Amino acid sequence: MELHAGSAGCPPHLHYQESAARNEQFVGECLKKIRAAPDAEEGLRRLLRFLGERLECDRVYVFEEMDRQHIRNTYEWCTPGMSSGIEELPYVAKKDLLPWYGQLTAGENIIEPKVETLRQRDPLIYEFLQPQKIHSIILSPLLSQGKMYGFLGADNPPPEKMEHISVVFDVLAYFVCSLVSQRELARLRERHVPLQKPGAAARYTGKTVLLVDDSPELLHLNERVLRPEGYSLFCAGTLGEARAVLDQTAPDAIVLDIDLPDGNGLDFCRELRAAANIPVVFLTAHSDAQTVQKGAEAGSCAFLTKPYQMEELQKAVAEAVGEKTDRKRDGARIT
């Protein structure tokens, strides 16, 4: 089935009715793909594949909020021979998508049939898209109760189909949000299922770790990675919440983001090391040499960059806990 405006020579109102009927039928086919999948994640993958193949796009993808400054490419379908965006660009700084990101947050779709025209109009966005061989693009926001959770996008859709693809994406965005919510519920249930292999000993029972990140998804993921090691875990989404935890206990290590809603993790690390001398592992989207150096100067014992490997986090936290083993615990309050 093709998406188009209608047959030549038909009155405008018949064009609209025909187009609406075709789009409704197409959305119904998409929902069948989702319902036939065994779980939410597979439903997303099947949906993207169906959209890419039927709408003749080079890539179809989902980006989700990562933290206040970044969005992450979580799902993707690529036509054969097209490079993977997830592999080459797993996450993107929101500033690289301005002013588009602001328009998406306001609920607007981005429809750009000729990226080349951005060379003069929006040179920063053009410089971001051009190396990825993107000639046309559609982005549709994933909004729920007025909050931005990410966007559904397609690279190089046929320009003549873009308006109608945009209408379809508007409808499908609701179902993509629903699938992401189902995935999060499934992961929440899995948090209570040990990742530890049968017969394996929890090496760090009795050790406590404070996780500080403004992304609930990353906090949950880090819990899943570290809990099987035996750690008792505390989570905080802000520096204020972290201070409240430190009022009650002195953890053996802290895994700390840098960009937080109420302050800078580098400054907090300096305060923390001066007052309580608790080992800090930075886990951040920053990867530039200057920030890495600032982290070391602030007193961190490790600096990990998102996205990271599970083993990297486990090793860094284990070494941080080992660093504190012979120290006297200090319950100093950080203000």
C-alpha atoms as a PDB file:
ATOM      1  CA  MET A   1       0.000   0.000   0.000  1.00  0.00           C
ATOM      2  CA  GLU A   2       1.288   3.464  -0.907  1.00  0.00           C
ATOM      3  CA  LEU A   3       0.713   6.654   1.039  1.00  0.00           C
ATOM      4  CA  HIS A   4      -0.291   9.517  -1.244  1.00  0.00           C
ATOM      5  CA  ALA A   5      -2.711  12.420  -1.471  1.00  0.00           C
ATOM      6  CA  GLY A   6      -5.193  10.784  -3.770  1.00  0.00           C
ATOM      7  CA  SER A   7      -5.900  10.325  -7.446  1.00  0.00           C
ATOM      8  CA  ALA A   8      -5.291  13.150  -9.905  1.00  0.00           C
ATOM      9  CA  GLY A   9      -8.396  15.061 -10.861  1.00  0.00           C
ATOM     10  CA  CYS A  10     -10.368  14.319  -7.667  1.00  0.00           C
ATOM     11  CA  PRO A  11     -11.911  17.212  -5.729  1.00  0.00           C
ATOM     12  CA  PRO A  12      -9.846  18.318  -2.676  1.00  0.00           C
ATOM     13  CA  HIS A  13     -12.294  16.882  -0.130  1.00  0.00           C
ATOM     14  CA  LEU A  14     -12.096  13.475  -1.840  1.00  0.00           C
ATOM     15  CA  HIS A  15      -8.289  13.705  -1.828  1.00  0.00           C
ATOM     16  CA  TYR A  16      -8.428  14.227   1.930  1.00  0.00           C
ATOM     17  CA  GLN A  17     -10.884  11.383   2.542  1.00  0.00           C
ATOM     18  CA  GLU A  18      -8.882   8.948   0.436  1.00  0.00           C
ATOM     19  CA  SER A  19      -5.630   9.946   2.104  1.00  0.00           C
ATOM     20  CA  ALA A  20      -7.139   9.641   5.590  1.00  0.00           C
ATOM     21  CA  ALA A  21      -8.508   6.181   4.802  1.00  0.00           C
ATOM     22  CA  ARG A  22      -5.155   4.977   3.479  1.00  0.00           C
ATOM     23  CA  ASN A  23      -3.295   6.355   6.476  1.00  0.00           C
ATOM     24  CA  GLU A  24      -5.790   4.724   8.854  1.00  0.00           C
ATOM     25  CA  GLN A  25      -5.317   1.395   7.105  1.00  0.00           C
ATOM     26  CA  PHE A  26      -1.539   1.753   7.285  1.00  0.00           C
ATOM     27  CA  VAL A  27      -1.609   2.529  11.019  1.00  0.00           C
ATOM     28  CA  GLY A  28      -3.787  -0.554  11.513  1.00  0.00           C
ATOM     29  CA  GLU A  29      -1.131  -2.685   9.818  1.00  0.00           C
ATOM     30  CA  CYS A  30       1.498  -1.170  12.119  1.00  0.00           C
ATOM     31  CA  LEU A  31      -0.546  -2.071  15.192  1.00  0.00           C
ATOM     32  CA  LYS A  32      -0.864  -5.657  13.970  1.00  0.00           C
ATOM     33  CA  LYS A  33       2.939  -5.874  13.859  1.00  0.00           C
ATOM     34  CA  ILE A  34       3.149  -4.566  17.418  1.00  0.00           C
ATOM     35  CA  ARG A  35       0.471  -6.921  18.785  1.00  0.00           C
ATOM     36  CA  ALA A  36       2.123  -9.959  17.173  1.00  0.00           C
ATOM     37  CA  ALA A  37       5.428  -9.301  18.966  1.00  0.00           C
ATOM     38  CA  PRO A  38       6.273 -11.290  22.134  1.00  0.00           C
ATOM     39  CA  ASP A  39       7.303  -8.194  24.117  1.00  0.00           C
ATOM     40  CA  ALA A  40       7.518  -4.410  23.912  1.00  0.00           C
ATOM     41  CA  GLU A  41      11.108  -4.239  22.681  1.00  0.00           C
ATOM     42  CA  GLU A  42      10.509  -6.704  19.877  1.00  0.00           C
ATOM     43  CA  GLY A  43       7.340  -4.778  19.039  1.00  0.00           C
ATOM     44  CA  LEU A  44       9.403  -1.620  18.601  1.00  0.00           C
ATOM     45  CA  ARG A  45      11.930  -3.392  16.387  1.00  0.00           C
ATOM     46  CA  ARG A  46       9.223  -4.905  14.173  1.00  0.00           C
ATOM     47  CA  LEU A  47       7.456  -1.566  13.908  1.00  0.00           C
ATOM     48  CA  LEU A  48      10.606   0.246  12.787  1.00  0.00           C
ATOM     49  CA  ARG A  49      11.402  -2.425  10.225  1.00  0.00           C
ATOM     50  CA  PHE A  50       7.865  -2.284   8.819  1.00  0.00           C
ATOM     51  CA  LEU A  51       7.950   1.511   8.636  1.00  0.00           C
ATOM     52  CA  GLY A  52      11.342   1.571   6.956  1.00  0.00           C
ATOM     53  CA  GLU A  53      10.484  -1.024   4.339  1.00  0.00           C
ATOM     54  CA  ARG A  54       6.986   0.210   3.497  1.00  0.00           C
ATOM     55  CA  LEU A  55       7.768   3.922   3.583  1.00  0.00           C
ATOM     56  CA  GLU A  56      11.027   3.495   1.644  1.00  0.00           C
ATOM     57  CA  CYS A  57      13.273   5.194   4.212  1.00  0.00           C
ATOM     58  CA  ASP A  58      16.986   4.565   4.749  1.00  0.00           C
ATOM     59  CA  ARG A  59      16.714   4.654   8.543  1.00  0.00           C
ATOM     60  CA  VAL A  60      13.864   4.662  11.052  1.00  0.00           C
ATOM     61  CA  TYR A  61      14.749   5.143  14.704  1.00  0.00           C
ATOM     62  CA  VAL A  62      13.764   6.079  18.230  1.00  0.00           C
ATOM     63  CA  PHE A  63      15.746   8.503  20.380  1.00  0.00           C
ATOM     64  CA  GLU A  64      15.022   8.715  24.111  1.00  0.00           C
ATOM     65  CA  GLU A  65      15.921  11.267  26.758  1.00  0.00           C
ATOM     66  CA  MET A  66      19.264  10.371  28.354  1.00  0.00           C
ATOM     67  CA  ASP A  67      19.892  13.308  30.685  1.00  0.00           C
ATOM     68  CA  ARG A  68      19.401  17.067  30.668  1.00  0.00           C
ATOM     69  CA  GLN A  69      21.916  17.574  27.872  1.00  0.00           C
ATOM     70  CA  HIS A  70      21.753  14.413  25.761  1.00  0.00           C
ATOM     71  CA  ILE A  71      19.378  12.075  23.936  1.00  0.00           C
ATOM     72  CA  ARG A  72      20.151   8.449  23.164  1.00  0.00           C
ATOM     73  CA  ASN A  73      19.508   6.332  20.053  1.00  0.00           C
ATOM     74  CA  THR A  74      17.788   3.265  21.531  1.00  0.00           C
ATOM     75  CA  TYR A  75      16.168   1.519  18.546  1.00  0.00           C
ATOM     76  CA  GLU A  76      16.906   1.582  14.841  1.00  0.00           C
ATOM     77  CA  TRP A  77      16.213  -0.084  11.505  1.00  0.00           C
ATOM     78  CA  CYS A  78      18.511   0.532   8.528  1.00  0.00           C
ATOM     79  CA  THR A  79      18.115  -0.443   4.903  1.00  0.00           C
ATOM     80  CA  PRO A  80      20.852  -2.850   3.714  1.00  0.00           C
ATOM     81  CA  GLY A  81      24.071  -0.983   2.958  1.00  0.00           C
ATOM     82  CA  MET A  82      23.196   2.000   5.163  1.00  0.00           C
ATOM     83  CA  SER A  83      25.480   2.665   8.126  1.00  0.00           C
ATOM     84  CA  SER A  84      24.066   2.227  11.627  1.00  0.00           C
ATOM     85  CA  GLY A  85      23.337   5.399  13.549  1.00  0.00           C
ATOM     86  CA  ILE A  86      23.359   3.529  16.867  1.00  0.00           C
ATOM     87  CA  GLU A  87      26.904   2.346  16.215  1.00  0.00           C
ATOM     88  CA  GLU A  88      28.232   5.631  14.847  1.00  0.00           C
ATOM     89  CA  LEU A  89      26.214   8.095  16.949  1.00  0.00           C
ATOM     90  CA  PRO A  90      24.771   6.338  20.032  1.00  0.00           C
ATOM     91  CA  TYR A  91      23.850   9.608  21.720  1.00  0.00           C
ATOM     92  CA  VAL A  92      23.501  13.240  20.670  1.00  0.00           C
ATOM     93  CA  ALA A  93      23.893  16.548  22.499  1.00  0.00           C
ATOM     94  CA  LYS A  94      20.591  18.417  22.454  1.00  0.00           C
ATOM     95  CA  LYS A  95      22.409  21.625  21.536  1.00  0.00           C
ATOM     96  CA  ASP A  96      23.383  20.019  18.214  1.00  0.00           C
ATOM     97  CA  LEU A  97      19.683  19.824  17.307  1.00  0.00           C
ATOM     98  CA  LEU A  98      18.750  23.406  18.157  1.00  0.00           C
ATOM     99  CA  PRO A  99      16.362  24.942  17.222  1.00  0.00           C
ATOM    100  CA  TRP A 100      14.704  21.665  16.229  1.00  0.00           C
ATOM    101  CA  TYR A 101      14.799  20.223  19.731  1.00  0.00           C
ATOM    102  CA  GLY A 102      12.828  23.176  21.071  1.00  0.00           C
ATOM    103  CA  GLN A 103      10.198  22.700  18.360  1.00  0.00           C
ATOM    104  CA  LEU A 104       9.895  18.996  19.195  1.00  0.00           C
ATOM    105  CA  THR A 105       9.489  19.783  22.895  1.00  0.00           C
ATOM    106  CA  ALA A 106       6.658  22.143  21.930  1.00  0.00           C
ATOM    107  CA  GLY A 107       4.910  19.254  20.147  1.00  0.00           C
ATOM    108  CA  GLU A 108       5.826  20.188  16.578  1.00  0.00           C
ATOM    109  CA  ASN A 109       6.995  17.755  13.914  1.00  0.00           C
ATOM    110  CA  ILE A 110      10.153  18.423  11.938  1.00  0.00           C
ATOM    111  CA  ILE A 111       9.586  17.933   8.198  1.00  0.00           C
ATOM    112  CA  GLU A 112      12.578  18.740   6.014  1.00  0.00           C
ATOM    113  CA  PRO A 113      12.356  17.416   2.430  1.00  0.00           C
ATOM    114  CA  LYS A 114      15.627  19.050   1.320  1.00  0.00           C
ATOM    115  CA  VAL A 115      18.366  19.059   3.940  1.00  0.00           C
ATOM    116  CA  GLU A 116      20.632  20.887   1.481  1.00  0.00           C
ATOM    117  CA  THR A 117      18.513  24.021   1.953  1.00  0.00           C
ATOM    118  CA  LEU A 118      19.666  24.112   5.584  1.00  0.00           C
ATOM    119  CA  ARG A 119      23.211  24.971   4.484  1.00  0.00           C
ATOM    120  CA  GLN A 120      22.310  28.683   4.623  1.00  0.00           C
ATOM    121  CA  ARG A 121      19.211  28.627   6.821  1.00  0.00           C
ATOM    122  CA  ASP A 122      20.461  26.436   9.711  1.00  0.00           C
ATOM    123  CA  PRO A 123      24.170  25.776   9.104  1.00  0.00           C
ATOM    124  CA  LEU A 124      24.760  24.052  12.465  1.00  0.00           C
ATOM    125  CA  ILE A 125      22.029  21.476  11.857  1.00  0.00           C
ATOM    126  CA  TYR A 126      23.239  21.055   8.285  1.00  0.00           C
ATOM    127  CA  GLU A 127      26.778  20.326   9.501  1.00  0.00           C
ATOM    128  CA  PHE A 128      25.347  17.760  11.913  1.00  0.00           C
ATOM    129  CA  LEU A 129      23.199  15.954   9.311  1.00  0.00           C
ATOM    130  CA  GLN A 130      25.353  16.136   6.198  1.00  0.00           C
ATOM    131  CA  PRO A 131      28.101  13.667   7.282  1.00  0.00           C
ATOM    132  CA  GLN A 132      25.364  11.095   7.974  1.00  0.00           C
ATOM    133  CA  LYS A 133      24.206  11.248   4.337  1.00  0.00           C
ATOM    134  CA  ILE A 134      20.777  12.537   5.347  1.00  0.00           C
ATOM    135  CA  HIS A 135      19.008  14.242   2.426  1.00  0.00           C
ATOM    136  CA  SER A 136      15.486  14.433   3.894  1.00  0.00           C
ATOM    137  CA  ILE A 137      14.247  13.863   7.432  1.00  0.00           C
ATOM    138  CA  ILE A 138      11.112  13.624   9.582  1.00  0.00           C
ATOM    139  CA  LEU A 139      11.100  13.799  13.394  1.00  0.00           C
ATOM    140  CA  SER A 140       7.979  13.394  15.538  1.00  0.00           C
ATOM    141  CA  PRO A 141       8.069  14.027  19.322  1.00  0.00           C
ATOM    142  CA  LEU A 142       7.278  11.352  21.893  1.00  0.00           C
ATOM    143  CA  LEU A 143       5.209  13.296  24.414  1.00  0.00           C
ATOM    144  CA  SER A 144       3.231  12.042  27.385  1.00  0.00           C
ATOM    145  CA  GLN A 145       1.290  14.397  29.660  1.00  0.00           C
ATOM    146  CA  GLY A 146       3.242  17.301  28.212  1.00  0.00           C
ATOM    147  CA  LYS A 147       6.644  15.780  28.978  1.00  0.00           C
ATOM    148  CA  MET A 148       9.210  15.065  26.268  1.00  0.00           C
ATOM    149  CA  TYR A 149      10.506  11.481  26.254  1.00  0.00           C
ATOM    150  CA  GLY A 150      12.274  11.487  22.882  1.00  0.00           C
ATOM    151  CA  PHE A 151      11.308  11.299  19.231  1.00  0.00           C
ATOM    152  CA  LEU A 152      10.494   8.941  16.363  1.00  0.00           C
ATOM    153  CA  GLY A 153      12.456   9.715  13.209  1.00  0.00           C
ATOM    154  CA  ALA A 154      13.052   8.696   9.605  1.00  0.00           C
ATOM    155  CA  ASP A 155      16.017   9.520   7.370  1.00  0.00           C
ATOM    156  CA  ASN A 156      15.670   9.969   3.606  1.00  0.00           C
ATOM    157  CA  PRO A 157      11.928   9.321   3.209  1.00  0.00           C
ATOM    158  CA  PRO A 158      10.640  10.120  -0.299  1.00  0.00           C
ATOM    159  CA  PRO A 159       9.871  13.873  -0.313  1.00  0.00           C
ATOM    160  CA  GLU A 160       6.479  13.329  -1.968  1.00  0.00           C
ATOM    161  CA  LYS A 161       5.357  11.144   0.966  1.00  0.00           C
ATOM    162  CA  MET A 162       6.639  13.272   3.810  1.00  0.00           C
ATOM    163  CA  GLU A 163       3.433  15.071   4.788  1.00  0.00           C
ATOM    164  CA  HIS A 164       1.545  11.806   5.037  1.00  0.00           C
ATOM    165  CA  ILE A 165       4.385  10.035   6.850  1.00  0.00           C
ATOM    166  CA  SER A 166       4.286  12.899   9.335  1.00  0.00           C
ATOM    167  CA  VAL A 167       0.571  12.270   9.949  1.00  0.00           C
ATOM    168  CA  VAL A 168       1.234   8.554  10.473  1.00  0.00           C
ATOM    169  CA  PHE A 169       4.123   9.308  12.854  1.00  0.00           C
ATOM    170  CA  ASP A 170       1.859  11.626  14.860  1.00  0.00           C
ATOM    171  CA  VAL A 171      -0.450   8.685  15.553  1.00  0.00           C
ATOM    172  CA  LEU A 172       2.286   6.095  16.046  1.00  0.00           C
ATOM    173  CA  ALA A 173       4.167   8.296  18.532  1.00  0.00           C
ATOM    174  CA  TYR A 174       1.487   7.485  21.116  1.00  0.00           C
ATOM    175  CA  PHE A 175       2.001   3.754  20.647  1.00  0.00           C
ATOM    176  CA  VAL A 176       5.791   4.095  20.722  1.00  0.00           C
ATOM    177  CA  CYS A 177       5.473   5.900  24.082  1.00  0.00           C
ATOM    178  CA  SER A 178       3.258   3.064  25.299  1.00  0.00           C
ATOM    179  CA  LEU A 179       5.801   0.431  24.202  1.00  0.00           C
ATOM    180  CA  VAL A 180       8.607   2.290  25.968  1.00  0.00           C
ATOM    181  CA  SER A 181       6.486   2.421  29.146  1.00  0.00           C
ATOM    182  CA  GLN A 182       5.815  -1.324  28.892  1.00  0.00           C
ATOM    183  CA  ARG A 183       9.541  -1.929  28.476  1.00  0.00           C
ATOM    184  CA  GLU A 184      10.289   0.121  31.594  1.00  0.00           C
ATOM    185  CA  LEU A 185       7.714  -1.825  33.615  1.00  0.00           C
ATOM    186  CA  ALA A 186       9.310  -5.089  32.476  1.00  0.00           C
ATOM    187  CA  ARG A 187      12.737  -3.816  33.492  1.00  0.00           C
ATOM    188  CA  LEU A 188      11.371  -2.701  36.842  1.00  0.00           C
ATOM    189  CA  ARG A 189      10.137  -6.235  37.491  1.00  0.00           C
ATOM    190  CA  GLU A 190      13.511  -7.617  36.419  1.00  0.00           C
ATOM    191  CA  ARG A 191      15.204  -5.517  39.068  1.00  0.00           C
ATOM    192  CA  HIS A 192      13.948  -8.036  41.584  1.00  0.00           C
ATOM    193  CA  VAL A 193      15.431 -10.952  39.629  1.00  0.00           C
ATOM    194  CA  PRO A 194      19.111 -11.547  40.463  1.00  0.00           C
ATOM    195  CA  LEU A 195      21.593 -11.223  37.604  1.00  0.00           C
ATOM    196  CA  GLN A 196      24.078 -13.300  39.550  1.00  0.00           C
ATOM    197  CA  LYS A 197      25.007 -16.637  38.034  1.00  0.00           C
ATOM    198  CA  PRO A 198      23.975 -19.752  39.985  1.00  0.00           C
ATOM    199  CA  GLY A 199      26.628 -20.635  42.529  1.00  0.00           C
ATOM    200  CA  ALA A 200      28.432 -17.298  42.242  1.00  0.00           C
ATOM    201  CA  ALA A 201      29.271 -15.542  45.503  1.00  0.00           C
ATOM    202  CA  ALA A 202      28.323 -11.906  46.109  1.00  0.00           C
ATOM    203  CA  ARG A 203      31.774 -10.415  46.667  1.00  0.00           C
ATOM    204  CA  TYR A 204      30.799  -7.104  48.184  1.00  0.00           C
ATOM    205  CA  THR A 205      28.051  -7.933  50.663  1.00  0.00           C
ATOM    206  CA  GLY A 206      28.004  -5.269  53.346  1.00  0.00           C
ATOM    207  CA  LYS A 207      29.481  -2.558  51.115  1.00  0.00           C
ATOM    208  CA  THR A 208      27.326   0.441  50.223  1.00  0.00           C
ATOM    209  CA  VAL A 209      27.333   2.537  47.050  1.00  0.00           C
ATOM    210  CA  LEU A 210      25.474   5.784  46.341  1.00  0.00           C
ATOM    211  CA  LEU A 211      24.368   6.275  42.708  1.00  0.00           C
ATOM    212  CA  VAL A 212      23.743   9.895  41.660  1.00  0.00           C
ATOM    213  CA  ASP A 213      22.220  10.591  38.232  1.00  0.00           C
ATOM    214  CA  ASP A 214      19.230  12.608  37.029  1.00  0.00           C
ATOM    215  CA  SER A 215      18.189   9.831  34.621  1.00  0.00           C
ATOM    216  CA  PRO A 216      15.896   7.276  36.354  1.00  0.00           C
ATOM    217  CA  GLU A 217      16.568   4.852  33.507  1.00  0.00           C
ATOM    218  CA  LEU A 218      20.329   4.949  34.083  1.00  0.00           C
ATOM    219  CA  LEU A 219      19.879   4.641  37.841  1.00  0.00           C
ATOM    220  CA  HIS A 220      17.811   1.492  37.305  1.00  0.00           C
ATOM    221  CA  LEU A 221      20.363   0.113  34.874  1.00  0.00           C
ATOM    222  CA  ASN A 222      23.269   0.778  37.241  1.00  0.00           C
ATOM    223  CA  GLU A 223      21.352  -0.902  40.046  1.00  0.00           C
ATOM    224  CA  ARG A 224      20.915  -3.952  37.837  1.00  0.00           C
ATOM    225  CA  VAL A 225      24.634  -4.028  37.111  1.00  0.00           C
ATOM    226  CA  LEU A 226      25.862  -3.595  40.689  1.00  0.00           C
ATOM    227  CA  ARG A 227      23.293  -5.286  42.915  1.00  0.00           C
ATOM    228  CA  PRO A 228      24.352  -8.867  42.010  1.00  0.00           C
ATOM    229  CA  GLU A 229      27.832  -8.003  43.326  1.00  0.00           C
ATOM    230  CA  GLY A 230      26.323  -7.767  46.806  1.00  0.00           C
ATOM    231  CA  TYR A 231      26.334  -3.991  47.264  1.00  0.00           C
ATOM    232  CA  SER A 232      23.677  -2.164  49.230  1.00  0.00           C
ATOM    233  CA  LEU A 233      22.623   0.661  46.911  1.00  0.00           C
ATOM    234  CA  PHE A 234      21.217   4.138  47.449  1.00  0.00           C
ATOM    235  CA  CYS A 235      19.943   6.260  44.546  1.00  0.00           C
ATOM    236  CA  ALA A 236      19.692  10.032  44.182  1.00  0.00           C
ATOM    237  CA  GLY A 237      18.498  12.121  41.244  1.00  0.00           C
ATOM    238  CA  THR A 238      19.928  15.417  42.514  1.00  0.00           C
ATOM    239  CA  LEU A 239      22.784  16.629  44.693  1.00  0.00           C
ATOM    240  CA  GLY A 240      20.214  17.579  47.323  1.00  0.00           C
ATOM    241  CA  GLU A 241      18.982  13.995  47.464  1.00  0.00           C
ATOM    242  CA  ALA A 242      22.593  12.794  47.620  1.00  0.00           C
ATOM    243  CA  ARG A 243      23.282  15.061  50.600  1.00  0.00           C
ATOM    244  CA  ALA A 244      20.199  13.688  52.353  1.00  0.00           C
ATOM    245  CA  VAL A 245      21.573  10.154  51.939  1.00  0.00           C
ATOM    246  CA  LEU A 246      24.983  11.266  53.243  1.00  0.00           C
ATOM    247  CA  ASP A 247      23.297  12.713  56.325  1.00  0.00           C
ATOM    248  CA  GLN A 248      22.210   9.175  57.183  1.00  0.00           C
ATOM    249  CA  THR A 249      25.116   7.005  56.049  1.00  0.00           C
ATOM    250  CA  ALA A 250      28.677   7.059  54.722  1.00  0.00           C
ATOM    251  CA  PRO A 251      28.820   4.881  51.598  1.00  0.00           C
ATOM    252  CA  ASP A 252      31.963   3.055  50.555  1.00  0.00           C
ATOM    253  CA  ALA A 253      31.845   4.688  47.101  1.00  0.00           C
ATOM    254  CA  ILE A 254      29.779   7.107  45.024  1.00  0.00           C
ATOM    255  CA  VAL A 255      28.992   6.850  41.302  1.00  0.00           C
ATOM    256  CA  LEU A 256      28.413  10.463  40.280  1.00  0.00           C
ATOM    257  CA  ASP A 257      27.178  12.275  37.170  1.00  0.00           C
ATOM    258  CA  ILE A 258      28.574  15.736  36.397  1.00  0.00           C
ATOM    259  CA  ASP A 259      25.558  17.618  34.999  1.00  0.00           C
ATOM    260  CA  LEU A 260      22.833  17.561  37.645  1.00  0.00           C
ATOM    261  CA  PRO A 261      19.737  19.765  38.002  1.00  0.00           C
ATOM    262  CA  ASP A 262      20.920  21.496  41.177  1.00  0.00           C
ATOM    263  CA  GLY A 263      24.676  21.691  40.714  1.00  0.00           C
ATOM    264  CA  ASN A 264      27.910  20.425  39.252  1.00  0.00           C
ATOM    265  CA  GLY A 265      29.275  16.998  40.151  1.00  0.00           C
ATOM    266  CA  LEU A 266      32.879  18.223  39.940  1.00  0.00           C
ATOM    267  CA  ASP A 267      32.275  20.806  42.683  1.00  0.00           C
ATOM    268  CA  PHE A 268      30.395  18.253  44.764  1.00  0.00           C
ATOM    269  CA  CYS A 269      33.293  15.803  44.434  1.00  0.00           C
ATOM    270  CA  ARG A 270      35.731  18.412  45.745  1.00  0.00           C
ATOM    271  CA  GLU A 271      33.492  19.129  48.748  1.00  0.00           C
ATOM    272  CA  LEU A 272      32.968  15.455  49.364  1.00  0.00           C
ATOM    273  CA  ARG A 273      36.618  14.472  49.260  1.00  0.00           C
ATOM    274  CA  ALA A 274      37.558  17.332  51.584  1.00  0.00           C
ATOM    275  CA  ALA A 275      34.883  16.535  54.172  1.00  0.00           C
ATOM    276  CA  ALA A 276      34.324  12.782  54.011  1.00  0.00           C
ATOM    277  CA  ASN A 277      37.026  11.371  51.718  1.00  0.00           C
ATOM    278  CA  ILE A 278      34.633   8.925  50.021  1.00  0.00           C
ATOM    279  CA  PRO A 279      35.919   7.512  46.696  1.00  0.00           C
ATOM    280  CA  VAL A 280      34.067   8.911  43.662  1.00  0.00           C
ATOM    281  CA  VAL A 281      33.582   7.292  40.250  1.00  0.00           C
ATOM    282  CA  PHE A 282      32.406   9.777  37.627  1.00  0.00           C
ATOM    283  CA  LEU A 283      29.898   8.384  35.115  1.00  0.00           C
ATOM    284  CA  THR A 284      29.066  11.091  32.588  1.00  0.00           C
ATOM    285  CA  ALA A 285      28.395  11.880  28.947  1.00  0.00           C
ATOM    286  CA  HIS A 286      31.436  14.184  28.899  1.00  0.00           C
ATOM    287  CA  SER A 287      34.421  12.615  27.162  1.00  0.00           C
ATOM    288  CA  ASP A 288      36.687  15.587  26.385  1.00  0.00           C
ATOM    289  CA  ALA A 289      40.203  15.566  27.824  1.00  0.00           C
ATOM    290  CA  GLN A 290      39.659  18.811  29.753  1.00  0.00           C
ATOM    291  CA  THR A 291      36.717  17.421  31.733  1.00  0.00           C
ATOM    292  CA  VAL A 292      38.529  14.138  32.376  1.00  0.00           C
ATOM    293  CA  GLN A 293      41.444  16.133  33.793  1.00  0.00           C
ATOM    294  CA  LYS A 294      39.093  18.222  35.952  1.00  0.00           C
ATOM    295  CA  GLY A 295      37.598  14.997  37.287  1.00  0.00           C
ATOM    296  CA  ALA A 296      41.019  13.725  38.320  1.00  0.00           C
ATOM    297  CA  GLU A 297      41.886  17.077  39.906  1.00  0.00           C
ATOM    298  CA  ALA A 298      38.587  17.029  41.822  1.00  0.00           C
ATOM    299  CA  GLY A 299      39.697  13.763  43.410  1.00  0.00           C
ATOM    300  CA  SER A 300      37.844  11.049  41.506  1.00  0.00           C
ATOM    301  CA  CYS A 301      39.326   7.570  41.401  1.00  0.00           C
ATOM    302  CA  ALA A 302      37.792   6.710  37.989  1.00  0.00           C
ATOM    303  CA  PHE A 303      36.139   8.470  35.038  1.00  0.00           C
ATOM    304  CA  LEU A 304      33.673   6.529  32.867  1.00  0.00           C
ATOM    305  CA  THR A 305      31.931   7.894  29.784  1.00  0.00           C
ATOM    306  CA  LYS A 306      28.363   7.054  28.741  1.00  0.00           C
ATOM    307  CA  PRO A 307      27.604   4.730  27.066  1.00  0.00           C
ATOM    308  CA  TYR A 308      29.750   2.300  29.043  1.00  0.00           C
ATOM    309  CA  GLN A 309      30.336  -1.414  29.356  1.00  0.00           C
ATOM    310  CA  MET A 310      28.854  -3.245  32.349  1.00  0.00           C
ATOM    311  CA  GLU A 311      32.261  -4.682  33.263  1.00  0.00           C
ATOM    312  CA  GLU A 312      33.807  -1.188  33.304  1.00  0.00           C
ATOM    313  CA  LEU A 313      31.367   0.015  35.952  1.00  0.00           C
ATOM    314  CA  GLN A 314      31.739  -3.143  38.047  1.00  0.00           C
ATOM    315  CA  LYS A 315      35.543  -2.872  37.975  1.00  0.00           C
ATOM    316  CA  ALA A 316      35.622   0.865  38.743  1.00  0.00           C
ATOM    317  CA  VAL A 317      33.279   0.512  41.723  1.00  0.00           C
ATOM    318  CA  ALA A 318      35.173  -2.519  43.046  1.00  0.00           C
ATOM    319  CA  GLU A 319      38.437  -0.569  42.911  1.00  0.00           C
ATOM    320  CA  ALA A 320      36.796   2.441  44.586  1.00  0.00           C
ATOM    321  CA  VAL A 321      35.440   0.272  47.399  1.00  0.00           C
ATOM    322  CA  GLY A 322      38.876  -1.310  47.766  1.00  0.00           C
ATOM    323  CA  GLU A 323      40.405   2.158  48.020  1.00  0.00           C
ATOM    324  CA  LYS A 324      38.275   2.867  51.071  1.00  0.00           C
ATOM    325  CA  THR A 325      38.617  -0.500  52.773  1.00  0.00           C
ATOM    326  CA  ASP A 326      41.398   0.654  55.104  1.00  0.00           C
ATOM    327  CA  ARG A 327      39.997   4.112  55.750  1.00  0.00           C
ATOM    328  CA  LYS A 328      38.055   5.158  58.775  1.00  0.00           C
ATOM    329  CA  ARG A 329      34.472   5.921  57.804  1.00  0.00           C
ATOM    330  CA  ASP A 330      33.486   9.524  58.212  1.00  0.00           C
ATOM    331  CA  GLY A 331      29.831  10.551  58.462  1.00  0.00           C
ATOM    332  CA  ALA A 332      30.538  14.227  57.854  1.00  0.00           C
ATOM    333  CA  ARG A 333      27.648  16.244  56.483  1.00  0.00           C
ATOM    334  CA  ILE A 334      28.104  17.881  53.067  1.00  0.00           C
ATOM    335  CA  THR A 335      26.456  21.292  52.867  1.00  0.00           C
END
